[in-house]
């Protein structure tokens, strides 16, 4: 018996829904709601697009800034390492000259 009551309620709901859809004012209301929804979605889509473009610009600027910082740090490190290598090369030349001078003097003293 409970199944028949549910079936009857479903049929009654369907009949009421069909009558409302056939009604001209209901159709106009649904069309207006559809148009309003479309306009809202278009505005939201445009807003989202603008937000994404701004985020992309900020990300691009941050990337460029980061790369410039890396480039600057790399140049400083290169200059420092080159200066250290040049200093080591000079100290090696000086040490080898001192070493060769020590070996030359005893020979000249013996003559």
PDB file of N, CA and C in Angstrom:
ATOM      1  N   UNK A   1       0.815  -1.184   0.000  1.00  0.00           N
ATOM      2  CA  UNK A   1       0.000   0.000   0.000  1.00  0.00           C
ATOM      3  C   UNK A   1       0.875   1.271   0.000  1.00  0.00           C
ATOM      4  N   UNK A   2       1.984   1.206   0.731  1.00  0.00           N
ATOM      5  CA  UNK A   2       2.893   2.345   0.812  1.00  0.00           C
ATOM      6  C   UNK A   2       3.482   2.655  -0.570  1.00  0.00           C
ATOM      7  N   UNK A   3       3.714   1.605  -1.361  1.00  0.00           N
ATOM      8  CA  UNK A   3       4.271   1.793  -2.699  1.00  0.00           C
ATOM      9  C   UNK A   3       3.292   2.557  -3.589  1.00  0.00           C
ATOM     10  N   UNK A   4       1.995   2.283  -3.433  1.00  0.00           N
ATOM     11  CA  UNK A   4       0.983   2.971  -4.240  1.00  0.00           C
ATOM     12  C   UNK A   4       0.895   4.449  -3.876  1.00  0.00           C
ATOM     13  N   UNK A   5       1.088   4.779  -2.611  1.00  0.00           N
ATOM     14  CA  UNK A   5       1.035   6.177  -2.180  1.00  0.00           C
ATOM     15  C   UNK A   5       2.221   6.947  -2.774  1.00  0.00           C
ATOM     16  N   UNK A   6       3.370   6.333  -2.767  1.00  0.00           N
ATOM     17  CA  UNK A   6       4.568   6.967  -3.356  1.00  0.00           C
ATOM     18  C   UNK A   6       4.385   7.166  -4.854  1.00  0.00           C
ATOM     19  N   UNK A   7       3.838   6.160  -5.516  1.00  0.00           N
ATOM     20  CA  UNK A   7       3.617   6.254  -6.957  1.00  0.00           C
ATOM     21  C   UNK A   7       2.641   7.383  -7.264  1.00  0.00           C
ATOM     22  N   UNK A   8       1.567   7.464  -6.516  1.00  0.00           N
ATOM     23  CA  UNK A   8       0.545   8.495  -6.737  1.00  0.00           C
ATOM     24  C   UNK A   8       1.134   9.882  -6.498  1.00  0.00           C
ATOM     25  N   UNK A   9       1.969  10.044  -5.476  1.00  0.00           N
ATOM     26  CA  UNK A   9       2.601  11.334  -5.201  1.00  0.00           C
ATOM     27  C   UNK A   9       3.524  11.717  -6.355  1.00  0.00           C
ATOM     28  N   UNK A  10       4.250  10.757  -6.913  1.00  0.00           N
ATOM     29  CA  UNK A  10       5.128  11.025  -8.044  1.00  0.00           C
ATOM     30  C   UNK A  10       4.357  11.449  -9.275  1.00  0.00           C
ATOM     31  N   UNK A  11       3.226  10.764  -9.531  1.00  0.00           N
ATOM     32  CA  UNK A  11       2.399  11.115 -10.685  1.00  0.00           C
ATOM     33  C   UNK A  11       1.831  12.519 -10.507  1.00  0.00           C
ATOM     34  N   UNK A  12       1.339  12.840  -9.322  1.00  0.00           N
ATOM     35  CA  UNK A  12       0.774  14.169  -9.059  1.00  0.00           C
ATOM     36  C   UNK A  12       1.837  15.251  -9.223  1.00  0.00           C
ATOM     37  N   UNK A  13       3.030  15.009  -8.735  1.00  0.00           N
ATOM     38  CA  UNK A  13       4.124  15.968  -8.876  1.00  0.00           C
ATOM     39  C   UNK A  13       4.457  16.175 -10.348  1.00  0.00           C
ATOM     40  N   UNK A  14       4.494  15.118 -11.119  1.00  0.00           N
ATOM     41  CA  UNK A  14       4.770  15.213 -12.551  1.00  0.00           C
ATOM     42  C   UNK A  14       3.717  16.025 -13.273  1.00  0.00           C
ATOM     43  N   UNK A  15       2.442  15.803 -12.930  1.00  0.00           N
ATOM     44  CA  UNK A  15       1.350  16.545 -13.578  1.00  0.00           C
ATOM     45  C   UNK A  15       1.474  18.036 -13.262  1.00  0.00           C
ATOM     46  N   UNK A  16       1.735  18.371 -12.001  1.00  0.00           N
ATOM     47  CA  UNK A  16       1.878  19.779 -11.607  1.00  0.00           C
ATOM     48  C   UNK A  16       3.065  20.407 -12.329  1.00  0.00           C
ATOM     49  N   UNK A  17       4.186  19.687 -12.415  1.00  0.00           N
ATOM     50  CA  UNK A  17       5.380  20.220 -13.082  1.00  0.00           C
ATOM     51  C   UNK A  17       5.092  20.463 -14.566  1.00  0.00           C
ATOM     52  N   UNK A  18       4.381  19.549 -15.227  1.00  0.00           N
ATOM     53  CA  UNK A  18       4.064  19.728 -16.647  1.00  0.00           C
ATOM     54  C   UNK A  18       3.130  20.925 -16.847  1.00  0.00           C
ATOM     55  N   UNK A  19       2.196  21.123 -15.969  1.00  0.00           N
ATOM     56  CA  UNK A  19       1.292  22.269 -16.076  1.00  0.00           C
ATOM     57  C   UNK A  19       2.064  23.579 -15.893  1.00  0.00           C
ATOM     58  N   UNK A  20       3.003  23.591 -14.977  1.00  0.00           N
ATOM     59  CA  UNK A  20       3.802  24.797 -14.755  1.00  0.00           C
ATOM     60  C   UNK A  20       4.693  25.097 -15.968  1.00  0.00           C
ATOM     61  N   UNK A  21       5.262  24.045 -16.577  1.00  0.00           N
ATOM     62  CA  UNK A  21       6.129  24.252 -17.738  1.00  0.00           C
ATOM     63  C   UNK A  21       5.336  24.737 -18.947  1.00  0.00           C
ATOM     64  N   UNK A  22       4.084  24.338 -19.064  1.00  0.00           N
ATOM     65  CA  UNK A  22       3.250  24.783 -20.169  1.00  0.00           C
ATOM     66  C   UNK A  22       2.786  26.219 -19.967  1.00  0.00           C
ATOM     67  N   UNK A  23       2.818  26.700 -18.745  1.00  0.00           N
ATOM     68  CA  UNK A  23       2.368  28.044 -18.430  1.00  0.00           C
ATOM     69  C   UNK A  23       3.351  29.053 -19.026  1.00  0.00           C
ATOM     70  N   UNK A  24       2.857  30.095 -19.696  1.00  0.00           N
ATOM     71  CA  UNK A  24       3.689  31.092 -20.360  1.00  0.00           C
ATOM     72  C   UNK A  24       4.536  31.885 -19.358  1.00  0.00           C
ATOM     73  N   UNK A  25       3.985  32.255 -18.225  1.00  0.00           N
ATOM     74  CA  UNK A  25       4.742  33.046 -17.250  1.00  0.00           C
ATOM     75  C   UNK A  25       5.891  32.226 -16.655  1.00  0.00           C
ATOM     76  N   UNK A  26       5.683  30.928 -16.474  1.00  0.00           N
ATOM     77  CA  UNK A  26       6.750  30.069 -15.962  1.00  0.00           C
ATOM     78  C   UNK A  26       7.876  29.962 -16.983  1.00  0.00           C
ATOM     79  N   UNK A  27       7.505  29.831 -18.270  1.00  0.00           N
ATOM     80  CA  UNK A  27       8.527  29.760 -19.316  1.00  0.00           C
ATOM     81  C   UNK A  27       9.338  31.056 -19.377  1.00  0.00           C
ATOM     82  N   UNK A  28       8.651  32.201 -19.258  1.00  0.00           N
ATOM     83  CA  UNK A  28       9.358  33.491 -19.261  1.00  0.00           C
ATOM     84  C   UNK A  28      10.298  33.612 -18.067  1.00  0.00           C
ATOM     85  N   UNK A  29       9.832  33.163 -16.924  1.00  0.00           N
ATOM     86  CA  UNK A  29      10.655  33.215 -15.717  1.00  0.00           C
ATOM     87  C   UNK A  29      11.893  32.336 -15.876  1.00  0.00           C
ATOM     88  N   UNK A  30      11.705  31.141 -16.440  1.00  0.00           N
ATOM     89  CA  UNK A  30      12.847  30.244 -16.660  1.00  0.00           C
ATOM     90  C   UNK A  30      13.825  30.831 -17.665  1.00  0.00           C
ATOM     91  N   UNK A  31      13.323  31.483 -18.715  1.00  0.00           N
ATOM     92  CA  UNK A  31      14.214  32.106 -19.701  1.00  0.00           C
ATOM     93  C   UNK A  31      15.023  33.233 -19.068  1.00  0.00           C
ATOM     94  N   UNK A  32      14.339  34.060 -18.257  1.00  0.00           N
ATOM     95  CA  UNK A  32      15.033  35.159 -17.568  1.00  0.00           C
ATOM     96  C   UNK A  32      16.095  34.618 -16.616  1.00  0.00           C
ATOM     97  N   UNK A  33      15.740  33.560 -15.920  1.00  0.00           N
ATOM     98  CA  UNK A  33      16.706  32.956 -14.992  1.00  0.00           C
ATOM     99  C   UNK A  33      17.907  32.405 -15.763  1.00  0.00           C
ATOM    100  N   UNK A  34      17.645  31.800 -16.911  1.00  0.00           N
ATOM    101  CA  UNK A  34      18.734  31.269 -17.739  1.00  0.00           C
ATOM    102  C   UNK A  34      19.636  32.379 -18.251  1.00  0.00           C
ATOM    103  N   UNK A  35      19.029  33.479 -18.695  1.00  0.00           N
ATOM    104  CA  UNK A  35      19.815  34.615 -19.187  1.00  0.00           C
ATOM    105  C   UNK A  35      20.634  35.239 -18.057  1.00  0.00           C
ATOM    106  N   UNK A  36      19.999  35.364 -16.907  1.00  0.00           N
ATOM    107  CA  UNK A  36      20.691  35.925 -15.752  1.00  0.00           C
ATOM    108  C   UNK A  36      21.870  35.041 -15.346  1.00  0.00           C
ATOM    109  N   UNK A  37      21.651  33.748 -15.373  1.00  0.00           N
ATOM    110  CA  UNK A  37      22.724  32.811 -15.031  1.00  0.00           C
ATOM    111  C   UNK A  37      23.864  32.913 -16.041  1.00  0.00           C
ATOM    112  N   UNK A  38      23.511  33.045 -17.320  1.00  0.00           N
ATOM    113  CA  UNK A  38      24.538  33.165 -18.363  1.00  0.00           C
ATOM    114  C   UNK A  38      25.356  34.440 -18.167  1.00  0.00           C
ATOM    115  N   UNK A  39      24.678  35.565 -17.866  1.00  0.00           N
ATOM    116  CA  UNK A  39      25.382  36.822 -17.634  1.00  0.00           C
ATOM    117  C   UNK A  39      26.314  36.712 -16.425  1.00  0.00           C
ATOM    118  N   UNK A  40      25.825  36.085 -15.372  1.00  0.00           N
ATOM    119  CA  UNK A  40      26.635  35.911 -14.168  1.00  0.00           C
ATOM    120  C   UNK A  40      27.862  35.060 -14.465  1.00  0.00           C
ATOM    121  N   UNK A  41      27.675  33.999 -15.231  1.00  0.00           N
ATOM    122  CA  UNK A  41      28.804  33.129 -15.590  1.00  0.00           C
ATOM    123  C   UNK A  41      29.803  33.868 -16.475  1.00  0.00           C
ATOM    124  N   UNK A  42      29.300  34.698 -17.392  1.00  0.00           N
ATOM    125  CA  UNK A  42      30.204  35.476 -18.246  1.00  0.00           C
ATOM    126  C   UNK A  42      31.032  36.457 -17.419  1.00  0.00           C
ATOM    127  N   UNK A  43      30.382  37.137 -16.460  1.00  0.00           N
ATOM    128  CA  UNK A  43      31.103  38.069 -15.593  1.00  0.00           C
ATOM    129  C   UNK A  43      32.142  37.338 -14.748  1.00  0.00           C
ATOM    130  N   UNK A  44      31.739  36.192 -14.219  1.00  0.00           N
ATOM    131  CA  UNK A  44      32.673  35.413 -13.398  1.00  0.00           C
ATOM    132  C   UNK A  44      33.839  34.923 -14.242  1.00  0.00           C
ATOM    133  N   UNK A  45      33.558  34.512 -15.469  1.00  0.00           N
ATOM    134  CA  UNK A  45      34.612  34.045 -16.368  1.00  0.00           C
ATOM    135  C   UNK A  45      35.592  35.167 -16.686  1.00  0.00           C
ATOM    136  N   UNK A  46      35.057  36.364 -16.974  1.00  0.00           N
ATOM    137  CA  UNK A  46      35.913  37.521 -17.266  1.00  0.00           C
ATOM    138  C   UNK A  46      36.756  37.884 -16.051  1.00  0.00           C
ATOM    139  N   UNK A  47      36.147  37.883 -14.875  1.00  0.00           N
ATOM    140  CA  UNK A  47      36.868  38.207 -13.649  1.00  0.00           C
ATOM    141  C   UNK A  47      37.976  37.190 -13.383  1.00  0.00           C
ATOM    142  N   UNK A  48      37.664  35.930 -13.590  1.00  0.00           N
ATOM    143  CA  UNK A  48      38.664  34.873 -13.389  1.00  0.00           C
ATOM    144  C   UNK A  48      39.807  35.029 -14.384  1.00  0.00           C
ATOM    145  N   UNK A  49      39.472  35.362 -15.625  1.00  0.00           N
ATOM    146  CA  UNK A  49      40.507  35.552 -16.649  1.00  0.00           C
ATOM    147  C   UNK A  49      41.437  36.698 -16.272  1.00  0.00           C
ATOM    148  N   UNK A  50      40.859  37.813 -15.810  1.00  0.00           N
ATOM    149  CA  UNK A  50      41.673  38.956 -15.407  1.00  0.00           C
ATOM    150  C   UNK A  50      42.564  38.609 -14.213  1.00  0.00           C
ATOM    151  N   UNK A  51      42.006  37.870 -13.264  1.00  0.00           N
ATOM    152  CA  UNK A  51      42.782  37.467 -12.088  1.00  0.00           C
ATOM    153  C   UNK A  51      43.948  36.568 -12.498  1.00  0.00           C
ATOM    154  N   UNK A  52      43.691  35.645 -13.403  1.00  0.00           N
ATOM    155  CA  UNK A  52      44.759  34.756 -13.863  1.00  0.00           C
ATOM    156  C   UNK A  52      45.836  35.516 -14.628  1.00  0.00           C
ATOM    157  N   UNK A  53      45.436  36.509 -15.408  1.00  0.00           N
ATOM    158  CA  UNK A  53      46.427  37.310 -16.131  1.00  0.00           C
ATOM    159  C   UNK A  53      47.301  38.106 -15.159  1.00  0.00           C
ATOM    160  N   UNK A  54      46.679  38.650 -14.113  1.00  0.00           N
ATOM    161  CA  UNK A  54      47.453  39.388 -13.103  1.00  0.00           C
ATOM    162  C   UNK A  54      48.427  38.454 -12.387  1.00  0.00           C
ATOM    163  N   UNK A  55      47.939  37.268 -12.044  1.00  0.00           N
ATOM    164  CA  UNK A  55      48.811  36.297 -11.372  1.00  0.00           C
ATOM    165  C   UNK A  55      49.957  35.888 -12.283  1.00  0.00           C
ATOM    166  N   UNK A  56      49.674  35.716 -13.568  1.00  0.00           N
ATOM    167  CA  UNK A  56      50.722  35.349 -14.522  1.00  0.00           C
ATOM    168  C   UNK A  56      51.766  36.463 -14.630  1.00  0.00           C
ATOM    169  N   UNK A  57      51.322  37.720 -14.665  1.00  0.00           N
ATOM    170  CA  UNK A  57      52.258  38.843 -14.718  1.00  0.00           C
ATOM    171  C   UNK A  57      53.133  38.900 -13.473  1.00  0.00           C
ATOM    172  N   UNK A  58      52.510  38.701 -12.304  1.00  0.00           N
ATOM    173  CA  UNK A  58      53.279  38.714 -11.057  1.00  0.00           C
ATOM    174  C   UNK A  58      54.288  37.575 -11.027  1.00  0.00           C
ATOM    175  N   UNK A  59      53.877  36.409 -11.494  1.00  0.00           N
ATOM    176  CA  UNK A  59      54.786  35.261 -11.523  1.00  0.00           C
ATOM    177  C   UNK A  59      55.945  35.508 -12.480  1.00  0.00           C
ATOM    178  N   UNK A  60      55.630  36.105 -13.633  1.00  0.00           N
ATOM    179  CA  UNK A  60      56.686  36.412 -14.606  1.00  0.00           C
ATOM    180  C   UNK A  60      57.679  37.407 -14.004  1.00  0.00           C
ATOM    181  N   UNK A  61      57.172  38.453 -13.353  1.00  0.00           N
ATOM    182  CA  UNK A  61      58.049  39.454 -12.726  1.00  0.00           C
ATOM    183  C   UNK A  61      58.900  38.832 -11.618  1.00  0.00           C
ATOM    184  N   UNK A  62      58.303  37.952 -10.818  1.00  0.00           N
ATOM    185  CA  UNK A  62      59.053  37.294  -9.752  1.00  0.00           C
ATOM    186  C   UNK A  62      60.139  36.396 -10.336  1.00  0.00           C
ATOM    187  N   UNK A  63      59.829  35.711 -11.427  1.00  0.00           N
ATOM    188  CA  UNK A  63      60.817  34.843 -12.071  1.00  0.00           C
ATOM    189  C   UNK A  63      61.984  35.663 -12.613  1.00  0.00           C
ATOM    190  N   UNK A  64      61.669  36.770 -13.278  1.00  0.00           N
ATOM    191  CA  UNK A  64      62.729  37.633 -13.820  1.00  0.00           C
ATOM    192  C   UNK A  64      63.592  38.175 -12.690  1.00  0.00           C
ATOM    193  N   UNK A  65      62.954  38.606 -11.619  1.00  0.00           N
ATOM    194  CA  UNK A  65      63.692  39.132 -10.471  1.00  0.00           C
ATOM    195  C   UNK A  65      64.596  38.064  -9.864  1.00  0.00           C
ATOM    196  N   UNK A  66      64.074  36.861  -9.730  1.00  0.00           N
ATOM    197  CA  UNK A  66      64.866  35.762  -9.179  1.00  0.00           C
ATOM    198  C   UNK A  66      66.058  35.430 -10.071  1.00  0.00           C
ATOM    199  N   UNK A  67      65.827  35.403 -11.372  1.00  0.00           N
ATOM    200  CA  UNK A  67      66.926  35.115 -12.300  1.00  0.00           C
ATOM    201  C   UNK A  67      67.983  36.212 -12.275  1.00  0.00           C
ATOM    202  N   UNK A  68      67.544  37.460 -12.138  1.00  0.00           N
ATOM    203  CA  UNK A  68      68.516  38.554 -12.044  1.00  0.00           C
ATOM    204  C   UNK A  68      69.343  38.437 -10.765  1.00  0.00           C
ATOM    205  N   UNK A  69      68.702  38.034  -9.677  1.00  0.00           N
ATOM    206  CA  UNK A  69      69.426  37.850  -8.414  1.00  0.00           C
ATOM    207  C   UNK A  69      70.439  36.718  -8.542  1.00  0.00           C
ATOM    208  N   UNK A  70      70.042  35.634  -9.186  1.00  0.00           N
ATOM    209  CA  UNK A  70      70.961  34.508  -9.393  1.00  0.00           C
ATOM    210  C   UNK A  70      72.130  34.945 -10.268  1.00  0.00           C
ATOM    211  N   UNK A  71      71.824  35.701 -11.317  1.00  0.00           N
ATOM    212  CA  UNK A  71      72.879  36.173 -12.210  1.00  0.00           C
ATOM    213  C   UNK A  71      73.867  37.069 -11.471  1.00  0.00           C
ATOM    214  N   UNK A  72      73.355  37.959 -10.645  1.00  0.00           N
ATOM    215  CA  UNK A  72      74.215  38.860  -9.876  1.00  0.00           C
ATOM    216  C   UNK A  72      75.083  38.082  -8.890  1.00  0.00           C
ATOM    217  N   UNK A  73      74.460  37.148  -8.163  1.00  0.00           N
ATOM    218  CA  UNK A  73      75.222  36.345  -7.198  1.00  0.00           C
ATOM    219  C   UNK A  73      76.271  35.506  -7.908  1.00  0.00           C
ATOM    220  N   UNK A  74      75.934  34.984  -9.058  1.00  0.00           N
ATOM    221  CA  UNK A  74      76.889  34.176  -9.822  1.00  0.00           C
ATOM    222  C   UNK A  74      78.076  35.025 -10.284  1.00  0.00           C
ATOM    223  N   UNK A  75      77.793  36.245 -10.747  1.00  0.00           N
ATOM    224  CA  UNK A  75      78.874  37.130 -11.182  1.00  0.00           C
ATOM    225  C   UNK A  75      79.800  37.480 -10.019  1.00  0.00           C
ATOM    226  N   UNK A  76      79.214  37.745  -8.854  1.00  0.00           N
ATOM    227  CA  UNK A  76      80.029  38.057  -7.680  1.00  0.00           C
ATOM    228  C   UNK A  76      80.892  36.859  -7.276  1.00  0.00           C
ATOM    229  N   UNK A  77      80.297  35.681  -7.289  1.00  0.00           N
ATOM    230  CA  UNK A  77      81.048  34.478  -6.922  1.00  0.00           C
ATOM    231  C   UNK A  77      82.163  34.221  -7.930  1.00  0.00           C
ATOM    232  N   UNK A  78      81.878  34.420  -9.215  1.00  0.00           N
ATOM    233  CA  UNK A  78      82.886  34.220 -10.254  1.00  0.00           C
ATOM    234  C   UNK A  78      84.045  35.185 -10.052  1.00  0.00           C
ATOM    235  N   UNK A  79      83.719  36.451  -9.767  1.00  0.00           N
ATOM    236  CA  UNK A  79      84.770  37.455  -9.554  1.00  0.00           C
ATOM    237  C   UNK A  79      85.612  37.095  -8.334  1.00  0.00           C
ATOM    238  N   UNK A  80      84.966  36.658  -7.274  1.00  0.00           N
ATOM    239  CA  UNK A  80      85.688  36.293  -6.056  1.00  0.00           C
ATOM    240  C   UNK A  80      86.598  35.094  -6.308  1.00  0.00           C
ATOM    241  N   UNK A  81      86.066  34.077  -6.983  1.00  0.00           N
ATOM    242  CA  UNK A  81      86.878  32.887  -7.261  1.00  0.00           C
ATOM    243  C   UNK A  81      88.029  33.200  -8.204  1.00  0.00           C
ATOM    244  N   UNK A  82      87.783  34.047  -9.173  1.00  0.00           N
ATOM    245  CA  UNK A  82      88.856  34.421 -10.099  1.00  0.00           C
ATOM    246  C   UNK A  82      89.943  35.185  -9.367  1.00  0.00           C
ATOM    247  N   UNK A  83      89.542  36.072  -8.446  1.00  0.00           N
ATOM    248  CA  UNK A  83      90.522  36.835  -7.669  1.00  0.00           C
ATOM    249  C   UNK A  83      91.325  35.899  -6.766  1.00  0.00           C
ATOM    250  N   UNK A  84      90.665  34.922  -6.162  1.00  0.00           N
ATOM    251  CA  UNK A  84      91.368  33.964  -5.300  1.00  0.00           C
ATOM    252  C   UNK A  84      92.340  33.119  -6.111  1.00  0.00           C
ATOM    253  N   UNK A  85      91.924  32.697  -7.299  1.00  0.00           N
ATOM    254  CA  UNK A  85      92.813  31.895  -8.145  1.00  0.00           C
ATOM    255  C   UNK A  85      94.017  32.721  -8.600  1.00  0.00           C
ATOM    256  N   UNK A  86      93.772  33.979  -8.921  1.00  0.00           N
ATOM    257  CA  UNK A  86      94.875  34.853  -9.331  1.00  0.00           C
ATOM    258  C   UNK A  86      95.841  35.054  -8.168  1.00  0.00           C
ATOM    259  N   UNK A  87      95.317  35.224  -6.956  1.00  0.00           N
ATOM    260  CA  UNK A  87      96.164  35.382  -5.769  1.00  0.00           C
ATOM    261  C   UNK A  87      96.976  34.125  -5.508  1.00  0.00           C
ATOM    262  N   UNK A  88      96.380  32.962  -5.676  1.00  0.00           N
ATOM    263  CA  UNK A  88      97.106  31.705  -5.474  1.00  0.00           C
ATOM    264  C   UNK A  88      98.194  31.541  -6.530  1.00  0.00           C
ATOM    265  N   UNK A  89      97.873  31.922  -7.760  1.00  0.00           N
ATOM    266  CA  UNK A  89      98.864  31.807  -8.829  1.00  0.00           C
ATOM    267  C   UNK A  89     100.044  32.733  -8.555  1.00  0.00           C
ATOM    268  N   UNK A  90      99.769  33.958  -8.077  1.00  0.00           N
ATOM    269  CA  UNK A  90     100.852  34.879  -7.752  1.00  0.00           C
ATOM    270  C   UNK A  90     101.708  34.356  -6.607  1.00  0.00           C
ATOM    271  N   UNK A  91     101.034  33.789  -5.582  1.00  0.00           N
ATOM    272  CA  UNK A  91     101.804  33.280  -4.447  1.00  0.00           C
ATOM    273  C   UNK A  91     102.646  32.077  -4.865  1.00  0.00           C
ATOM    274  N   UNK A  92     102.154  31.265  -5.781  1.00  0.00           N
ATOM    275  CA  UNK A  92     102.950  30.128  -6.270  1.00  0.00           C
ATOM    276  C   UNK A  92     104.158  30.619  -7.059  1.00  0.00           C
ATOM    277  N   UNK A  93     103.968  31.665  -7.879  1.00  0.00           N
ATOM    278  CA  UNK A  93     105.090  32.211  -8.645  1.00  0.00           C
ATOM    279  C   UNK A  93     106.126  32.812  -7.706  1.00  0.00           C
ATOM    280  N   UNK A  94     105.658  33.526  -6.692  1.00  0.00           N
ATOM    281  CA  UNK A  94     106.569  34.134  -5.731  1.00  0.00           C
ATOM    282  C   UNK A  94     107.327  33.048  -4.966  1.00  0.00           C
ATOM    283  N   UNK A  95     106.623  32.006  -4.563  1.00  0.00           N
ATOM    284  CA  UNK A  95     107.268  30.913  -3.828  1.00  0.00           C
ATOM    285  C   UNK A  95     108.273  30.196  -4.713  1.00  0.00           C
ATOM    286  N   UNK A  96     107.946  29.990  -5.957  1.00  0.00           N
ATOM    287  CA  UNK A  96     108.892  29.304  -6.836  1.00  0.00           C
ATOM    288  C   UNK A  96     110.097  30.196  -7.125  1.00  0.00           C
ATOM    289  N   UNK A  97     109.916  31.501  -7.192  1.00  0.00           N
ATOM    290  CA  UNK A  97     111.041  32.406  -7.396  1.00  0.00           C
ATOM    291  C   UNK A  97     111.959  32.392  -6.172  1.00  0.00           C
ATOM    292  N   UNK A  98     111.347  32.431  -4.975  1.00  0.00           N
ATOM    293  CA  UNK A  98     112.156  32.381  -3.757  1.00  0.00           C
ATOM    294  C   UNK A  98     112.922  31.072  -3.689  1.00  0.00           C
ATOM    295  N   UNK A  99     112.262  29.983  -4.071  1.00  0.00           N
ATOM    296  CA  UNK A  99     112.904  28.688  -4.042  1.00  0.00           C
ATOM    297  C   UNK A  99     114.066  28.648  -5.039  1.00  0.00           C
ATOM    298  N   UNK A 100     113.869  29.202  -6.212  1.00  0.00           N
ATOM    299  CA  UNK A 100     114.946  29.209  -7.207  1.00  0.00           C
ATOM    300  C   UNK A 100     116.067  30.158  -6.787  1.00  0.00           C
ATOM    301  N   UNK A 101     115.734  31.246  -6.103  1.00  0.00           N
ATOM    302  CA  UNK A 101     116.762  32.176  -5.630  1.00  0.00           C
ATOM    303  C   UNK A 101     117.603  31.502  -4.557  1.00  0.00           C
ATOM    304  N   UNK A 102     117.007  30.739  -3.668  1.00  0.00           N
ATOM    305  CA  UNK A 102     117.759  30.038  -2.629  1.00  0.00           C
ATOM    306  C   UNK A 102     118.729  29.052  -3.261  1.00  0.00           C
ATOM    307  N   UNK A 103     118.309  28.387  -4.301  1.00  0.00           N
ATOM    308  CA  UNK A 103     119.184  27.413  -4.953  1.00  0.00           C
ATOM    309  C   UNK A 103     120.280  28.098  -5.765  1.00  0.00           C
ATOM    310  N   UNK A 104     120.057  29.277  -6.246  1.00  0.00           N
ATOM    311  CA  UNK A 104     121.061  29.973  -7.040  1.00  0.00           C
ATOM    312  C   UNK A 104     122.149  30.584  -6.157  1.00  0.00           C
ATOM    313  N   UNK A 105     121.837  31.095  -4.992  1.00  0.00           N
ATOM    314  CA  UNK A 105     122.793  31.745  -4.131  1.00  0.00           C
ATOM    315  C   UNK A 105     123.860  30.790  -3.592  1.00  0.00           C
ATOM    316  N   UNK A 106     123.507  29.602  -3.143  1.00  0.00           N
ATOM    317  CA  UNK A 106     124.601  28.751  -2.667  1.00  0.00           C
ATOM    318  C   UNK A 106     125.600  28.442  -3.753  1.00  0.00           C
ATOM    319  N   UNK A 107     125.158  28.314  -4.956  1.00  0.00           N
ATOM    320  CA  UNK A 107     126.080  28.026  -6.045  1.00  0.00           C
ATOM    321  C   UNK A 107     127.007  29.228  -6.290  1.00  0.00           C
ATOM    322  N   UNK A 108     126.462  30.428  -6.232  1.00  0.00           N
ATOM    323  CA  UNK A 108     127.280  31.614  -6.464  1.00  0.00           C
ATOM    324  C   UNK A 108     128.233  31.865  -5.285  1.00  0.00           C
ATOM    325  N   UNK A 109     127.862  31.447  -4.073  1.00  0.00           N
ATOM    326  CA  UNK A 109     128.736  31.602  -2.917  1.00  0.00           C
ATOM    327  C   UNK A 109     129.935  30.672  -3.011  1.00  0.00           C
ATOM    328  N   UNK A 110     129.751  29.503  -3.594  1.00  0.00           N
ATOM    329  CA  UNK A 110     130.830  28.546  -3.659  1.00  0.00           C
ATOM    330  C   UNK A 110     131.860  28.915  -4.717  1.00  0.00           C
ATOM    331  N   UNK A 111     131.475  29.692  -5.688  1.00  0.00           N
ATOM    332  CA  UNK A 111     132.410  30.067  -6.741  1.00  0.00           C
ATOM    333  C   UNK A 111     133.359  31.037  -6.233  1.00  0.00           C
TER     334      UNK A 111
END
